[in-house]
C-alpha atoms as a PDB file:
ATOM      1  CA  MET A   1      -5.365  10.976  -1.715  1.00  0.00           C
ATOM      2  CA  ASN A   2      -6.786  11.242  -5.250  1.00  0.00           C
ATOM      3  CA  ASN A   3      -6.618   7.320  -6.994  1.00  0.00           C
ATOM      4  CA  ILE A   4      -8.502   8.550 -10.082  1.00  0.00           C
ATOM      5  CA  ASN A   5      -7.223   8.506 -13.869  1.00  0.00           C
ATOM      6  CA  PRO A   6      -7.596  11.636 -15.061  1.00  0.00           C
ATOM      7  CA  SER A   7      -7.806  10.042 -18.611  1.00  0.00           C
ATOM      8  CA  ALA A   8     -10.944   7.967 -17.496  1.00  0.00           C
ATOM      9  CA  LYS A   9     -13.793   9.441 -18.008  1.00  0.00           C
ATOM     10  CA  PRO A  10     -16.922   7.199 -17.317  1.00  0.00           C
ATOM     11  CA  PRO A  11     -20.122   9.287 -17.598  1.00  0.00           C
ATOM     12  CA  ASN A  12     -21.986  11.142 -14.490  1.00  0.00           C
ATOM     13  CA  HIS A  13     -19.327  10.621 -12.198  1.00  0.00           C
ATOM     14  CA  GLY A  14     -17.928  13.602 -10.321  1.00  0.00           C
ATOM     15  CA  ILE A  15     -14.852  13.273  -7.956  1.00  0.00           C
ATOM     16  CA  ALA A  16     -16.646  12.299  -4.908  1.00  0.00           C
ATOM     17  CA  GLN A  17     -17.896   9.528  -6.685  1.00  0.00           C
ATOM     18  CA  LEU A  18     -14.955   7.740  -8.122  1.00  0.00           C
ATOM     19  CA  MET A  19     -13.324   8.265  -4.860  1.00  0.00           C
ATOM     20  CA  TYR A  20     -16.214   6.192  -2.993  1.00  0.00           C
ATOM     21  CA  LEU A  21     -15.373   3.990  -6.146  1.00  0.00           C
ATOM     22  CA  VAL A  22     -11.950   3.338  -5.252  1.00  0.00           C
ATOM     23  CA  LEU A  23     -12.858   3.001  -1.502  1.00  0.00           C
ATOM     24  CA  LEU A  24     -15.572   0.095  -2.482  1.00  0.00           C
ATOM     25  CA  ALA A  25     -12.968  -1.542  -4.545  1.00  0.00           C
ATOM     26  CA  CYS A  26     -10.710  -2.056  -1.370  1.00  0.00           C
ATOM     27  CA  LEU A  27     -13.103  -3.764   0.445  1.00  0.00           C
ATOM     28  CA  PRO A  28     -11.677  -7.648  -0.240  1.00  0.00           C
ATOM     29  CA  GLY A  29      -8.057  -7.259   0.596  1.00  0.00           C
ATOM     30  CA  LEU A  30     -10.198  -5.499   3.597  1.00  0.00           C
ATOM     31  CA  CYS A  31     -12.050  -8.515   4.749  1.00  0.00           C
ATOM     32  CA  ALA A  32      -9.204 -10.762   3.907  1.00  0.00           C
ATOM     33  CA  LEU A  33      -6.938  -8.510   6.188  1.00  0.00           C
ATOM     34  CA  VAL A  34      -9.314  -8.291   9.252  1.00  0.00           C
ATOM     35  CA  ALA A  35      -9.849 -12.385   8.472  1.00  0.00           C
ATOM     36  CA  PHE A  36      -6.270 -13.267   8.334  1.00  0.00           C
ATOM     37  CA  PHE A  37      -5.103 -10.543  10.678  1.00  0.00           C
ATOM     38  CA  GLY A  38      -7.766 -10.035  12.927  1.00  0.00           C
ATOM     39  CA  TRP A  39      -9.641  -6.946  14.932  1.00  0.00           C
ATOM     40  CA  GLY A  40      -6.477  -4.494  14.503  1.00  0.00           C
ATOM     41  CA  VAL A  41      -7.376  -3.820  10.736  1.00  0.00           C
ATOM     42  CA  LEU A  42     -10.664  -2.645  11.704  1.00  0.00           C
ATOM     43  CA  ILE A  43      -9.773  -0.618  14.502  1.00  0.00           C
ATOM     44  CA  ASN A  44      -6.906   1.072  12.521  1.00  0.00           C
ATOM     45  CA  VAL A  45      -9.455   1.852   9.548  1.00  0.00           C
ATOM     46  CA  VAL A  46     -11.961   3.487  12.121  1.00  0.00           C
ATOM     47  CA  TRP A  47      -9.663   5.544  14.472  1.00  0.00           C
ATOM     48  CA  LEU A  48      -7.279   6.678  11.088  1.00  0.00           C
ATOM     49  CA  SER A  49     -10.599   7.712   9.804  1.00  0.00           C
ATOM     50  CA  LEU A  50     -12.024  10.075  11.873  1.00  0.00           C
ATOM     51  CA  CYS A  51      -8.743  11.543  12.610  1.00  0.00           C
ATOM     52  CA  ALA A  52      -8.404  11.783   9.033  1.00  0.00           C
ATOM     53  CA  LEU A  53     -12.049  14.030   8.911  1.00  0.00           C
ATOM     54  CA  VAL A  54     -11.103  16.037  11.793  1.00  0.00           C
ATOM     55  CA  LEU A  55      -7.560  16.918  10.661  1.00  0.00           C
ATOM     56  CA  GLU A  56      -8.957  17.854   6.981  1.00  0.00           C
ATOM     57  CA  ALA A  57     -11.987  19.793   8.527  1.00  0.00           C
ATOM     58  CA  ALA A  58      -9.228  22.081  11.100  1.00  0.00           C
ATOM     59  CA  LEU A  59      -6.859  22.779   8.054  1.00  0.00           C
ATOM     60  CA  LEU A  60      -9.422  23.903   5.656  1.00  0.00           C
ATOM     61  CA  ARG A  61     -10.878  26.002   8.228  1.00  0.00           C
ATOM     62  CA  LEU A  62      -7.165  27.161   8.758  1.00  0.00           C
ATOM     63  CA  ARG A  63      -6.762  27.777   4.812  1.00  0.00           C
ATOM     64  CA  LYS A  64     -10.589  29.230   4.670  1.00  0.00           C
ATOM     65  CA  GLN A  65     -12.234  26.429   2.319  1.00  0.00           C
ATOM     66  CA  ASN A  66     -15.273  25.303   1.808  1.00  0.00           C
ATOM     67  CA  VAL A  67     -14.724  22.341   4.566  1.00  0.00           C
ATOM     68  CA  SER A  68     -18.078  20.417   4.015  1.00  0.00           C
ATOM     69  CA  LEU A  69     -17.505  20.279   0.153  1.00  0.00           C
ATOM     70  CA  HIS A  70     -14.024  19.043   0.500  1.00  0.00           C
ATOM     71  CA  LEU A  71     -14.623  16.813   3.337  1.00  0.00           C
ATOM     72  CA  ARG A  72     -16.881  14.922   1.208  1.00  0.00           C
ATOM     73  CA  ASP A  73     -15.111  14.276  -1.777  1.00  0.00           C
ATOM     74  CA  GLY A  74     -13.569  11.192   0.124  1.00  0.00           C
ATOM     75  CA  SER A  75     -10.103  11.902  -0.189  1.00  0.00           C
ATOM     76  CA  ALA A  76      -9.124  11.982   3.195  1.00  0.00           C
ATOM     77  CA  LEU A  77     -11.144   9.024   3.873  1.00  0.00           C
ATOM     78  CA  LEU A  78      -9.090   7.077   1.439  1.00  0.00           C
ATOM     79  CA  SER A  79      -5.968   8.243   2.729  1.00  0.00           C
ATOM     80  CA  ALA A  80      -6.764   7.014   5.872  1.00  0.00           C
ATOM     81  CA  LEU A  81      -8.020   3.461   4.537  1.00  0.00           C
ATOM     82  CA  LEU A  82      -4.417   3.052   2.262  1.00  0.00           C
ATOM     83  CA  LEU A  83      -2.755   4.098   5.566  1.00  0.00           C
ATOM     84  CA  ALA A  84      -5.161   1.736   7.852  1.00  0.00           C
ATOM     85  CA  MET A  85      -4.429  -1.095   5.830  1.00  0.00           C
ATOM     86  CA  ALA A  86      -0.443  -0.617   5.307  1.00  0.00           C
ATOM     87  CA  LEU A  87       0.021  -0.342   9.350  1.00  0.00           C
ATOM     88  CA  PRO A  88       0.081  -3.774  11.568  1.00  0.00           C
ATOM     89  CA  PRO A  89      -2.554  -4.059  13.593  1.00  0.00           C
ATOM     90  CA  THR A  90      -0.730  -4.184  16.857  1.00  0.00           C
ATOM     91  CA  VAL A  91       0.151  -0.561  16.541  1.00  0.00           C
ATOM     92  CA  PRO A  92      -0.581   1.938  19.382  1.00  0.00           C
ATOM     93  CA  TRP A  93      -3.580   4.420  18.742  1.00  0.00           C
ATOM     94  CA  TRP A  94      -0.784   7.491  18.945  1.00  0.00           C
ATOM     95  CA  LEU A  95       1.483   6.280  16.198  1.00  0.00           C
ATOM     96  CA  GLY A  96      -1.645   5.809  13.780  1.00  0.00           C
ATOM     97  CA  LEU A  97      -2.368   9.785  14.576  1.00  0.00           C
ATOM     98  CA  CYS A  98       0.618  10.781  13.755  1.00  0.00           C
ATOM     99  CA  GLY A  99       0.849   8.845  11.144  1.00  0.00           C
ATOM    100  CA  ILE A 100      -2.401  10.428   9.381  1.00  0.00           C
ATOM    101  CA  ALA A 101      -1.826  13.846  10.893  1.00  0.00           C
ATOM    102  CA  PHE A 102       1.520  13.523   8.669  1.00  0.00           C
ATOM    103  CA  ALA A 103       0.032  12.655   5.473  1.00  0.00           C
ATOM    104  CA  ILE A 104      -3.168  14.798   6.007  1.00  0.00           C
ATOM    105  CA  VAL A 105      -1.123  17.903   7.170  1.00  0.00           C
ATOM    106  CA  VAL A 106       2.209  17.898   6.011  1.00  0.00           C
ATOM    107  CA  VAL A 107       1.863  15.916   2.819  1.00  0.00           C
ATOM    108  CA  LYS A 108      -1.440  17.337   1.391  1.00  0.00           C
ATOM    109  CA  GLN A 109      -3.021  20.353   2.750  1.00  0.00           C
ATOM    110  CA  LEU A 110       0.920  22.378   3.667  1.00  0.00           C
ATOM    111  CA  TYR A 111       1.149  21.805  -0.406  1.00  0.00           C
ATOM    112  CA  GLY A 112      -2.100  23.078  -1.196  1.00  0.00           C
ATOM    113  CA  GLY A 113      -5.001  19.976  -0.583  1.00  0.00           C
ATOM    114  CA  LEU A 114      -6.481  17.689  -2.925  1.00  0.00           C
ATOM    115  CA  GLY A 115      -4.330  17.956  -6.456  1.00  0.00           C
ATOM    116  CA  HIS A 116      -1.140  19.546  -5.541  1.00  0.00           C
ATOM    117  CA  ASN A 117       0.552  17.101  -3.361  1.00  0.00           C
ATOM    118  CA  LEU A 118       4.102  15.954  -4.248  1.00  0.00           C
ATOM    119  CA  PHE A 119       3.948  12.695  -2.789  1.00  0.00           C
ATOM    120  CA  ASN A 120       1.552   9.677  -2.106  1.00  0.00           C
ATOM    121  CA  PRO A 121       0.023  10.898   1.398  1.00  0.00           C
ATOM    122  CA  ALA A 122      -0.381   7.255   2.746  1.00  0.00           C
ATOM    123  CA  MET A 123       3.121   6.226   1.683  1.00  0.00           C
ATOM    124  CA  ALA A 124       4.670   9.550   2.935  1.00  0.00           C
ATOM    125  CA  ALA A 125       3.280   8.782   6.247  1.00  0.00           C
ATOM    126  CA  TYR A 126       4.032   5.086   6.083  1.00  0.00           C
ATOM    127  CA  ALA A 127       7.686   5.793   5.359  1.00  0.00           C
ATOM    128  CA  MET A 128       7.965   8.323   8.087  1.00  0.00           C
ATOM    129  CA  LEU A 129       6.482   5.957  11.003  1.00  0.00           C
ATOM    130  CA  LEU A 130       8.764   2.837   9.717  1.00  0.00           C
ATOM    131  CA  VAL A 131      12.250   4.955   9.900  1.00  0.00           C
ATOM    132  CA  SER A 132      10.850   6.806  13.049  1.00  0.00           C
ATOM    133  CA  PHE A 133       9.165   4.063  14.971  1.00  0.00           C
ATOM    134  CA  PRO A 134      10.453   0.550  13.354  1.00  0.00           C
ATOM    135  CA  ALA A 135      10.114  -1.433  16.246  1.00  0.00           C
ATOM    136  CA  PRO A 136       6.157  -1.227  16.695  1.00  0.00           C
ATOM    137  CA  MET A 137       6.255  -0.982  12.430  1.00  0.00           C
ATOM    138  CA  THR A 138       7.686  -4.120  12.411  1.00  0.00           C
ATOM    139  CA  ARG A 139       5.589  -6.381  14.609  1.00  0.00           C
ATOM    140  CA  TRP A 140       3.199  -7.645  12.845  1.00  0.00           C
ATOM    141  CA  LEU A 141       0.638 -10.431  14.052  1.00  0.00           C
ATOM    142  CA  LEU A 142       1.215 -14.141  12.423  1.00  0.00           C
ATOM    143  CA  PRO A 143      -2.316 -14.706  10.241  1.00  0.00           C
ATOM    144  CA  ALA A 144      -4.754 -17.031  11.044  1.00  0.00           C
ATOM    145  CA  GLY A 145      -3.880 -20.866  11.035  1.00  0.00           C
ATOM    146  CA  VAL A 146      -0.699 -19.867  12.263  1.00  0.00           C
ATOM    147  CA  LEU A 147      -1.817 -18.689  15.533  1.00  0.00           C
ATOM    148  CA  GLU A 148      -4.466 -20.603  16.964  1.00  0.00           C
ATOM    149  CA  ASN A 149      -7.069 -17.858  18.055  1.00  0.00           C
ATOM    150  CA  LEU A 150      -6.228 -14.343  16.776  1.00  0.00           C
ATOM    151  CA  PRO A 151      -6.697 -11.487  19.917  1.00  0.00           C
ATOM    152  CA  SER A 152     -10.265 -11.175  20.539  1.00  0.00           C
ATOM    153  CA  PHE A 153     -11.579  -7.491  19.816  1.00  0.00           C
ATOM    154  CA  SER A 154     -11.135  -6.818  23.613  1.00  0.00           C
ATOM    155  CA  ASP A 155      -7.772  -7.749  23.447  1.00  0.00           C
ATOM    156  CA  ALA A 156      -7.213  -5.976  20.436  1.00  0.00           C
ATOM    157  CA  ILE A 157      -8.562  -2.911  21.826  1.00  0.00           C
ATOM    158  CA  THR A 158      -5.967  -3.688  24.727  1.00  0.00           C
ATOM    159  CA  ILE A 159      -3.228  -3.459  22.154  1.00  0.00           C
ATOM    160  CA  PHE A 160      -4.476  -0.487  20.757  1.00  0.00           C
ATOM    161  CA  LEU A 161      -4.713   1.599  23.986  1.00  0.00           C
ATOM    162  CA  GLY A 162      -1.031   0.855  24.352  1.00  0.00           C
ATOM    163  CA  GLY A 163      -1.539  -2.418  26.806  1.00  0.00           C
ATOM    164  CA  GLU A 164      -0.890  -5.805  26.911  1.00  0.00           C
ATOM    165  CA  PRO A 165      -3.108  -8.710  26.163  1.00  0.00           C
ATOM    166  CA  VAL A 166      -3.598 -11.339  28.635  1.00  0.00           C
ATOM    167  CA  LEU A 167      -1.332 -13.311  26.786  1.00  0.00           C
ATOM    168  CA  GLY A 168       1.161 -10.989  26.356  1.00  0.00           C
ATOM    169  CA  ILE A 169       1.991  -9.487  22.678  1.00  0.00           C
ATOM    170  CA  ASP A 170       4.804 -11.460  22.031  1.00  0.00           C
ATOM    171  CA  ALA A 171       2.631 -14.713  21.698  1.00  0.00           C
ATOM    172  CA  TYR A 172       0.456 -12.930  18.483  1.00  0.00           C
ATOM    173  CA  THR A 173       3.389 -11.294  16.732  1.00  0.00           C
ATOM    174  CA  GLY A 174       7.232 -12.834  14.740  1.00  0.00           C
ATOM    175  CA  ALA A 175       8.322 -12.637  11.630  1.00  0.00           C
ATOM    176  CA  THR A 176       6.385 -12.036   8.138  1.00  0.00           C
ATOM    177  CA  TRP A 177       6.926 -14.488   5.397  1.00  0.00           C
ATOM    178  CA  LEU A 178       8.907 -11.769   3.498  1.00  0.00           C
ATOM    179  CA  ASP A 179      11.463 -11.001   6.045  1.00  0.00           C
ATOM    180  CA  SER A 180      11.715 -14.759   6.715  1.00  0.00           C
ATOM    181  CA  PHE A 181      12.107 -15.732   3.227  1.00  0.00           C
ATOM    182  CA  ARG A 182      15.095 -12.958   2.627  1.00  0.00           C
ATOM    183  CA  GLN A 183      16.648 -14.229   6.262  1.00  0.00           C
ATOM    184  CA  GLN A 184      17.102 -18.155   5.076  1.00  0.00           C
ATOM    185  CA  THR A 185      18.543 -17.374   1.501  1.00  0.00           C
ATOM    186  CA  GLY A 186      21.537 -19.083   0.925  1.00  0.00           C
ATOM    187  CA  ALA A 187      20.732 -21.686   3.883  1.00  0.00           C
ATOM    188  CA  GLN A 188      18.600 -24.062   1.872  1.00  0.00           C
ATOM    189  CA  LEU A 189      16.197 -24.695  -0.972  1.00  0.00           C
ATOM    190  CA  VAL A 190      13.420 -22.819  -1.267  1.00  0.00           C
ATOM    191  CA  SER A 191      11.369 -26.140  -1.287  1.00  0.00           C
ATOM    192  CA  GLU A 192      12.569 -27.231   1.998  1.00  0.00           C
ATOM    193  CA  PHE A 193      12.148 -23.717   3.549  1.00  0.00           C
ATOM    194  CA  ARG A 194       8.364 -23.265   2.168  1.00  0.00           C
ATOM    195  CA  ALA A 195       8.198 -27.166   3.988  1.00  0.00           C
ATOM    196  CA  ALA A 196       9.204 -26.291   7.148  1.00  0.00           C
ATOM    197  CA  SER A 197       8.021 -22.775   7.170  1.00  0.00           C
ATOM    198  CA  PRO A 198       4.458 -22.137   9.285  1.00  0.00           C
ATOM    199  CA  LEU A 199       3.958 -19.454   7.090  1.00  0.00           C
ATOM    200  CA  ALA A 200       3.907 -20.042   3.864  1.00  0.00           C
ATOM    201  CA  GLY A 201       0.480 -20.621   2.057  1.00  0.00           C
ATOM    202  CA  SER A 202      -0.999 -22.467  -0.764  1.00  0.00           C
ATOM    203  CA  PHE A 203       1.232 -20.644  -3.672  1.00  0.00           C
ATOM    204  CA  ALA A 204       2.378 -17.487  -1.448  1.00  0.00           C
ATOM    205  CA  ALA A 205       2.356 -16.445   1.832  1.00  0.00           C
ATOM    206  CA  LEU A 206      -0.255 -17.163   4.122  1.00  0.00           C
ATOM    207  CA  GLY A 207      -2.895 -15.006   4.844  1.00  0.00           C
ATOM    208  CA  ALA A 208      -0.856 -12.328   2.467  1.00  0.00           C
ATOM    209  CA  GLU A 209      -1.615 -14.446  -0.290  1.00  0.00           C
ATOM    210  CA  TRP A 210      -5.346 -14.080  -0.199  1.00  0.00           C
ATOM    211  CA  VAL A 211      -5.407 -10.410   0.688  1.00  0.00           C
ATOM    212  CA  ASN A 212      -3.456  -9.722  -2.191  1.00  0.00           C
ATOM    213  CA  VAL A 213      -6.051 -12.057  -4.681  1.00  0.00           C
ATOM    214  CA  GLY A 214      -8.665  -9.046  -2.703  1.00  0.00           C
ATOM    215  CA  PHE A 215      -6.811  -6.421  -3.542  1.00  0.00           C
ATOM    216  CA  LEU A 216      -6.374  -7.847  -7.336  1.00  0.00           C
ATOM    217  CA  LEU A 217     -10.224  -8.355  -7.451  1.00  0.00           C
ATOM    218  CA  GLY A 218     -11.149  -4.571  -6.400  1.00  0.00           C
ATOM    219  CA  GLY A 219      -8.274  -3.550  -8.720  1.00  0.00           C
ATOM    220  CA  LEU A 220      -9.678  -5.352 -12.080  1.00  0.00           C
ATOM    221  CA  TRP A 221     -13.209  -4.087 -10.825  1.00  0.00           C
ATOM    222  CA  LEU A 222     -11.535  -0.511 -11.192  1.00  0.00           C
ATOM    223  CA  LEU A 223     -10.041  -1.547 -14.410  1.00  0.00           C
ATOM    224  CA  TYR A 224     -13.461  -2.462 -15.853  1.00  0.00           C
ATOM    225  CA  ARG A 225     -15.148   0.527 -14.610  1.00  0.00           C
ATOM    226  CA  ARG A 226     -12.162   2.701 -16.287  1.00  0.00           C
ATOM    227  CA  VAL A 227     -11.588   4.614 -12.820  1.00  0.00           C
ATOM    228  CA  ILE A 228      -7.700   3.849 -13.648  1.00  0.00           C
ATOM    229  CA  SER A 229      -5.869   2.663 -16.618  1.00  0.00           C
ATOM    230  CA  TRP A 230      -4.478  -0.223 -17.157  1.00  0.00           C
ATOM    231  CA  HIS A 231      -0.679   1.617 -17.915  1.00  0.00           C
ATOM    232  CA  ILE A 232       0.787   1.293 -14.345  1.00  0.00           C
ATOM    233  CA  PRO A 233      -0.477  -1.777 -12.908  1.00  0.00           C
ATOM    234  CA  LEU A 234       0.391  -4.338 -15.986  1.00  0.00           C
ATOM    235  CA  ALA A 235       3.921  -1.841 -16.118  1.00  0.00           C
ATOM    236  CA  PHE A 236       4.610  -2.507 -11.943  1.00  0.00           C
ATOM    237  CA  LEU A 237       3.054  -6.143 -12.014  1.00  0.00           C
ATOM    238  CA  GLY A 238       5.656  -7.441 -15.280  1.00  0.00           C
ATOM    239  CA  ALA A 239       8.756  -5.402 -13.954  1.00  0.00           C
ATOM    240  CA  LEU A 240       8.147  -7.115 -10.681  1.00  0.00           C
ATOM    241  CA  SER A 241       7.606 -10.612 -12.593  1.00  0.00           C
ATOM    242  CA  VAL A 242      10.613 -10.149 -15.031  1.00  0.00           C
ATOM    243  CA  CYS A 243      12.972  -9.337 -12.498  1.00  0.00           C
ATOM    244  CA  ALA A 244      11.927 -12.471  -9.876  1.00  0.00           C
ATOM    245  CA  ALA A 245      12.021 -14.562 -12.833  1.00  0.00           C
ATOM    246  CA  LEU A 246      15.746 -13.672 -13.182  1.00  0.00           C
ATOM    247  CA  GLY A 247      16.704 -13.981  -9.598  1.00  0.00           C
ATOM    248  CA  TRP A 248      14.478 -16.931  -9.141  1.00  0.00           C
ATOM    249  CA  ALA A 249      17.427 -19.108  -9.688  1.00  0.00           C
ATOM    250  CA  GLY A 250      15.011 -22.375  -9.840  1.00  0.00           C
ATOM    251  CA  GLY A 251      14.287 -22.418  -6.342  1.00  0.00           C
ATOM    252  CA  SER A 252      17.952 -22.903  -5.252  1.00  0.00           C
ATOM    253  CA  SER A 253      19.268 -21.683  -2.292  1.00  0.00           C
ATOM    254  CA  ALA A 254      20.099 -18.726  -3.865  1.00  0.00           C
ATOM    255  CA  SER A 255      16.724 -17.868  -4.956  1.00  0.00           C
ATOM    256  CA  LEU A 256      15.535 -14.400  -4.208  1.00  0.00           C
ATOM    257  CA  GLY A 257      11.774 -15.908  -4.699  1.00  0.00           C
ATOM    258  CA  SER A 258       9.353 -16.770  -7.389  1.00  0.00           C
ATOM    259  CA  PRO A 259       7.138 -14.264  -9.696  1.00  0.00           C
ATOM    260  CA  LEU A 260       3.885 -15.670  -7.769  1.00  0.00           C
ATOM    261  CA  MET A 261       5.761 -15.231  -4.553  1.00  0.00           C
ATOM    262  CA  HIS A 262       6.231 -11.540  -5.133  1.00  0.00           C
ATOM    263  CA  LEU A 263       3.256 -11.266  -6.916  1.00  0.00           C
ATOM    264  CA  PHE A 264       1.116 -12.590  -4.037  1.00  0.00           C
ATOM    265  CA  SER A 265       2.693 -11.285  -0.786  1.00  0.00           C
ATOM    266  CA  GLY A 266       3.429  -8.047   0.950  1.00  0.00           C
ATOM    267  CA  ALA A 267       1.563  -4.863  -0.813  1.00  0.00           C
ATOM    268  CA  THR A 268       2.096  -5.916  -4.395  1.00  0.00           C
ATOM    269  CA  MET A 269      -1.240  -5.616  -5.496  1.00  0.00           C
ATOM    270  CA  LEU A 270      -2.297  -2.745  -2.906  1.00  0.00           C
ATOM    271  CA  GLY A 271       0.392  -1.119  -4.597  1.00  0.00           C
ATOM    272  CA  ALA A 272       0.016  -1.698  -8.303  1.00  0.00           C
ATOM    273  CA  PHE A 273      -4.032  -0.902  -8.158  1.00  0.00           C
ATOM    274  CA  PHE A 274      -4.833   1.620  -5.411  1.00  0.00           C
ATOM    275  CA  ILE A 275      -1.523   3.387  -4.876  1.00  0.00           C
ATOM    276  CA  ALA A 276       1.118   3.578  -7.543  1.00  0.00           C
ATOM    277  CA  THR A 277      -1.865   4.954  -9.980  1.00  0.00           C
ATOM    278  CA  ASP A 278      -2.519   7.986  -7.960  1.00  0.00           C
ATOM    279  CA  PRO A 279      -2.546  10.421 -10.878  1.00  0.00           C
ATOM    280  CA  VAL A 280      -1.326  13.597  -8.681  1.00  0.00           C
ATOM    281  CA  THR A 281       1.724  11.708  -8.357  1.00  0.00           C
ATOM    282  CA  ALA A 282       2.206   9.703 -11.123  1.00  0.00           C
ATOM    283  CA  ALA A 283       3.434  10.734 -14.574  1.00  0.00           C
ATOM    284  CA  THR A 284       0.253  11.451 -16.547  1.00  0.00           C
ATOM    285  CA  THR A 285       1.890  10.316 -20.228  1.00  0.00           C
ATOM    286  CA  PRO A 286       0.439   6.964 -21.754  1.00  0.00           C
ATOM    287  CA  ARG A 287       4.491   6.105 -22.154  1.00  0.00           C
ATOM    288  CA  GLY A 288       5.171   8.091 -19.260  1.00  0.00           C
ATOM    289  CA  ARG A 289       3.184   5.936 -17.060  1.00  0.00           C
ATOM    290  CA  LEU A 290       4.172   2.769 -18.551  1.00  0.00           C
ATOM    291  CA  LEU A 291       7.403   3.832 -17.323  1.00  0.00           C
ATOM    292  CA  TYR A 292       6.554   4.987 -13.892  1.00  0.00           C
ATOM    293  CA  GLY A 293       4.958   1.732 -13.101  1.00  0.00           C
ATOM    294  CA  ALA A 294       7.808  -0.288 -14.404  1.00  0.00           C
ATOM    295  CA  LEU A 295       9.997   1.488 -12.403  1.00  0.00           C
ATOM    296  CA  ILE A 296       8.354   1.057  -9.122  1.00  0.00           C
ATOM    297  CA  GLY A 297       7.786  -2.878  -9.946  1.00  0.00           C
ATOM    298  CA  LEU A 298      11.983  -2.632 -10.063  1.00  0.00           C
ATOM    299  CA  LEU A 299      12.659  -0.693  -7.399  1.00  0.00           C
ATOM    300  CA  VAL A 300      10.299  -3.127  -5.319  1.00  0.00           C
ATOM    301  CA  PHE A 301      12.328  -6.237  -5.849  1.00  0.00           C
ATOM    302  CA  VAL A 302      15.601  -4.539  -5.513  1.00  0.00           C
ATOM    303  CA  ILE A 303      14.703  -3.358  -2.096  1.00  0.00           C
ATOM    304  CA  ARG A 304      13.003  -6.773  -1.116  1.00  0.00           C
ATOM    305  CA  ALA A 305      15.840  -8.587  -2.188  1.00  0.00           C
ATOM    306  CA  PHE A 306      18.400  -6.249  -1.113  1.00  0.00           C
ATOM    307  CA  SER A 307      18.035  -4.007   1.262  1.00  0.00           C
ATOM    308  CA  ILE A 308      17.091  -3.985   5.243  1.00  0.00           C
ATOM    309  CA  TYR A 309      13.326  -3.919   4.537  1.00  0.00           C
ATOM    310  CA  PRO A 310      11.598  -6.901   3.773  1.00  0.00           C
ATOM    311  CA  ASP A 311       8.850  -5.308   1.653  1.00  0.00           C
ATOM    312  CA  GLY A 312       8.932  -1.966  -0.737  1.00  0.00           C
ATOM    313  CA  VAL A 313       6.106  -0.866  -2.116  1.00  0.00           C
ATOM    314  CA  ALA A 314       6.056   2.219  -0.143  1.00  0.00           C
ATOM    315  CA  PHE A 315      10.022   3.198  -0.824  1.00  0.00           C
ATOM    316  CA  ALA A 316       9.477   2.361  -4.232  1.00  0.00           C
ATOM    317  CA  VAL A 317       6.001   4.232  -5.239  1.00  0.00           C
ATOM    318  CA  LEU A 318       8.117   7.715  -3.235  1.00  0.00           C
ATOM    319  CA  LEU A 319      10.913   6.817  -5.593  1.00  0.00           C
ATOM    320  CA  GLY A 320       8.261   6.612  -8.598  1.00  0.00           C
ATOM    321  CA  ASN A 321       6.899  10.046  -7.244  1.00  0.00           C
ATOM    322  CA  LEU A 322      10.514  12.188  -7.646  1.00  0.00           C
ATOM    323  CA  ALA A 323      11.074  10.853 -11.302  1.00  0.00           C
ATOM    324  CA  ALA A 324       7.163  11.212 -12.662  1.00  0.00           C
ATOM    325  CA  PRO A 325       8.019  14.743 -13.437  1.00  0.00           C
ATOM    326  CA  LEU A 326      11.172  13.847 -15.665  1.00  0.00           C
ATOM    327  CA  ILE A 327       9.435  10.726 -16.678  1.00  0.00           C
ATOM    328  CA  ASP A 328       6.300  13.291 -18.334  1.00  0.00           C
ATOM    329  CA  ALA A 329       9.194  15.531 -19.801  1.00  0.00           C
ATOM    330  CA  PHE A 330      10.696  12.919 -21.613  1.00  0.00           C
ATOM    331  CA  THR A 331       7.731  11.246 -22.643  1.00  0.00           C
ATOM    332  CA  GLU A 332       5.271  14.323 -23.270  1.00  0.00           C
ATOM    333  CA  ALA A 333       4.245  14.366 -27.450  1.00  0.00           C
ATOM    334  CA  ARG A 334       6.158  16.857 -29.659  1.00  0.00           C
ATOM    335  CA  THR A 335       4.725  19.611 -31.326  1.00  0.00           C
ATOM    336  CA  PHE A 336       5.909  20.235 -34.780  1.00  0.00           C
ATOM    337  CA  GLY A 337       6.047  22.948 -36.665  1.00  0.00           C
ATOM    338  CA  PRO A 338       6.652  26.974 -36.069  1.00  0.00           C
ATOM    339  CA  LYS A 339       5.124  28.037 -32.799  1.00  0.00           C
ATOM    340  CA  THR A 340       2.377  30.795 -32.529  1.00  0.00           C
END
């Protein structure tokens, strides 16, 4: 996965160096994920990274490409990390393998490798898994703070291998905040729901709010280093905030969620700074990137509020990928004067 802004030109940085900067920027969010959702997150990251490197090497060899050169660019590792952080920490080994194989083999290499993919590999793989295996893909661990103890490392390995921990997997899993919030819409005031729900955090969802803060910090660092441009994240978060404000309804029982809740729940900040900004699949003109980001923010809100899925980042990004060529065609600079 290429997550580098082509208009940003930091001096003396190659593609591989920029990839590793993006990987480094993911660390605050990753650490928060591990802290609130346990060892399963880290196990997924290691497993998918190993699988991605092996699959990438095999496909590069079949395509008679320079294996060593392409493996060092960091794109396979970035795809693996983004997918691993999006997966529930309770998925078995085979499901993660199916996802990363789809991302690397089908979405990336069969379309010509880095820079030629039509869709974001990690989000295409996530969407494929969610549609194909809805039960394991919606079985999220309850965060630390709700659970007295997260699964131990040995229990996490047992779950990863497809077994049952000593207390049973149901002792650790439950609905996410976004899913719980959507199910209560129309039943009680938002303040009443927050007071009664153990999943309510300080300002959004317990655990997820700090995960999103981590990805926000990493994204701001990428902006500071000029690895990505501001257009897509600002438009994404701005459109989502405006839509949420219109659907807030003063916190009544009909509320679709406050802007703060939408910004710091689910995969919002990961999507805004690390996924939607992929220049291979995103719009490329300045105005186009603003429209592209706003479209994704709008779609995230619509999917969260009105579809069967509690979060909507993956599907919103994929729909944005489909629209990106058309957006570029309508926002590219016009050339005036006679053609030569």
